[in-house]
Amino acid sequence: GLKLVRDGCRVAQAYSAPVLLVLAGQQEAQTDYTRSYTTSVETMREAARIAAEAGITLGVENVRTSLLGSPGEYARYLADVDHHAVQAYLEDTV
């Protein structure tokens, strides 16, 4: 995933795009939720450092995934990542 973020940031820079859209991840049936959540937060923090170095913001999209199933989980996730280069990306459904 981090390689994809690194490559995506390079492409975003090349096209002067300020934001790279990402997802928090998926919950695998065989993996404990807490482990998946913690791993995702730790990985997103590393991704945030990569993005910040590139001058890119990571927009975490609000799609329903098996990892973040509610608005409360989504908000908690962003708070737990706690990095200026990671922001909410809210899809306009209107």
Protein backbone atom coordinates (compact mmCIF):
# COMPACT_ATOMS: atom_id res chain seq x y z
CA GLY A 1 0.00 0.00 0.00
CA LEU A 2 2.80 2.42 0.83
CA LYS A 3 4.37 1.87 -2.59
CA LEU A 4 1.03 2.80 -4.17
CA VAL A 5 0.88 5.96 -2.05
CA ARG A 6 4.45 6.86 -3.00
CA ASP A 7 3.73 6.28 -6.70
CA GLY A 8 0.39 8.09 -6.45
CA CYS A 9 2.06 11.10 -4.88
CA ARG A 10 4.54 11.23 -7.75
CA VAL A 11 1.70 11.19 -10.27
CA ALA A 12 -0.20 13.83 -8.29
CA GLN A 13 2.90 16.04 -8.29
CA ALA A 14 3.34 15.58 -12.04
CA TYR A 15 -0.22 16.77 -12.66
CA SER A 16 -0.21 19.43 -9.93
CA ALA A 17 -3.00 17.62 -8.12
CA PRO A 18 -3.07 18.63 -4.45
CA VAL A 19 -4.98 15.57 -3.19
CA LEU A 20 -4.57 11.81 -3.61
CA LEU A 21 -7.75 9.88 -2.86
CA VAL A 22 -7.23 6.81 -0.64
CA LEU A 23 -9.28 4.33 1.38
CA ALA A 24 -8.55 3.25 4.94
CA GLY A 25 -8.67 -0.43 3.99
CA GLN A 26 -10.82 -3.52 4.20
CA GLN A 27 -11.54 -5.82 7.09
CA GLU A 28 -10.50 -9.39 6.32
CA ALA A 29 -12.77 -12.05 7.83
CA GLN A 30 -9.86 -14.01 9.29
CA THR A 31 -8.28 -10.95 10.99
CA ASP A 32 -9.36 -9.40 14.28
CA TYR A 33 -10.95 -5.96 13.78
CA THR A 34 -8.70 -4.28 16.34
CA ARG A 35 -5.59 -5.56 14.57
CA SER A 36 -6.88 -4.39 11.17
CA TYR A 37 -7.79 -0.96 12.54
CA THR A 38 -4.45 -0.50 14.33
CA THR A 39 -2.47 -1.64 11.29
CA SER A 40 -4.42 0.73 9.07
CA VAL A 41 -3.82 3.71 11.39
CA GLU A 42 -0.09 2.95 11.59
CA THR A 43 0.16 2.52 7.82
CA MET A 44 -1.79 5.72 7.17
CA ARG A 45 0.58 7.63 9.46
CA GLU A 46 3.53 6.43 7.38
CA ALA A 47 1.61 7.25 4.19
CA ALA A 48 0.99 10.73 5.62
CA ARG A 49 4.73 11.31 6.03
CA ILE A 50 5.29 10.27 2.41
CA ALA A 51 2.50 12.56 1.21
CA ALA A 52 3.68 15.50 3.33
CA GLU A 53 7.19 15.22 1.90
CA ALA A 54 5.64 15.37 -1.57
CA GLY A 55 3.39 18.30 -0.68
CA ILE A 56 0.27 16.17 -1.24
CA THR A 57 -2.77 15.71 0.98
CA LEU A 58 -4.27 12.24 1.35
CA GLY A 59 -8.05 12.41 1.16
CA VAL A 60 -9.56 9.44 3.00
CA GLU A 61 -12.82 8.76 1.20
CA ASN A 62 -16.01 8.17 3.16
CA VAL A 63 -17.15 5.09 1.27
CA ARG A 64 -18.50 2.26 3.33
CA THR A 65 -15.87 -0.36 3.77
CA SER A 66 -15.82 -3.32 6.07
CA LEU A 67 -13.24 -1.45 8.18
CA LEU A 68 -14.96 1.88 8.83
CA GLY A 69 -18.66 1.15 8.83
CA SER A 70 -20.04 4.25 10.53
CA PRO A 71 -19.48 8.01 10.59
CA GLY A 72 -18.23 7.70 14.17
CA GLU A 73 -15.58 5.16 13.18
CA TYR A 74 -14.55 7.37 10.27
CA ALA A 75 -14.16 10.41 12.54
CA ARG A 76 -12.27 8.38 15.17
CA TYR A 77 -9.96 7.00 12.48
CA LEU A 78 -9.01 10.48 11.25
CA ALA A 79 -8.43 11.60 14.84
CA ASP A 80 -6.25 8.55 15.53
CA VAL A 81 -4.14 9.12 12.41
CA ASP A 82 -3.79 12.76 13.52
CA HIS A 83 -1.63 14.11 10.69
CA HIS A 84 -2.14 17.34 8.75
CA ALA A 85 -1.56 15.53 5.44
CA VAL A 86 -4.55 13.22 6.03
CA GLN A 87 -7.96 14.79 5.66
CA ALA A 88 -11.55 13.67 5.19
CA TYR A 89 -12.72 13.33 1.59
CA LEU A 90 -16.48 13.56 1.53
CA GLU A 91 -18.16 12.33 -1.60
CA ASP A 92 -20.80 14.64 -3.00
CA THR A 93 -23.77 12.35 -3.65
CA VAL A 94 -26.19 15.07 -4.77
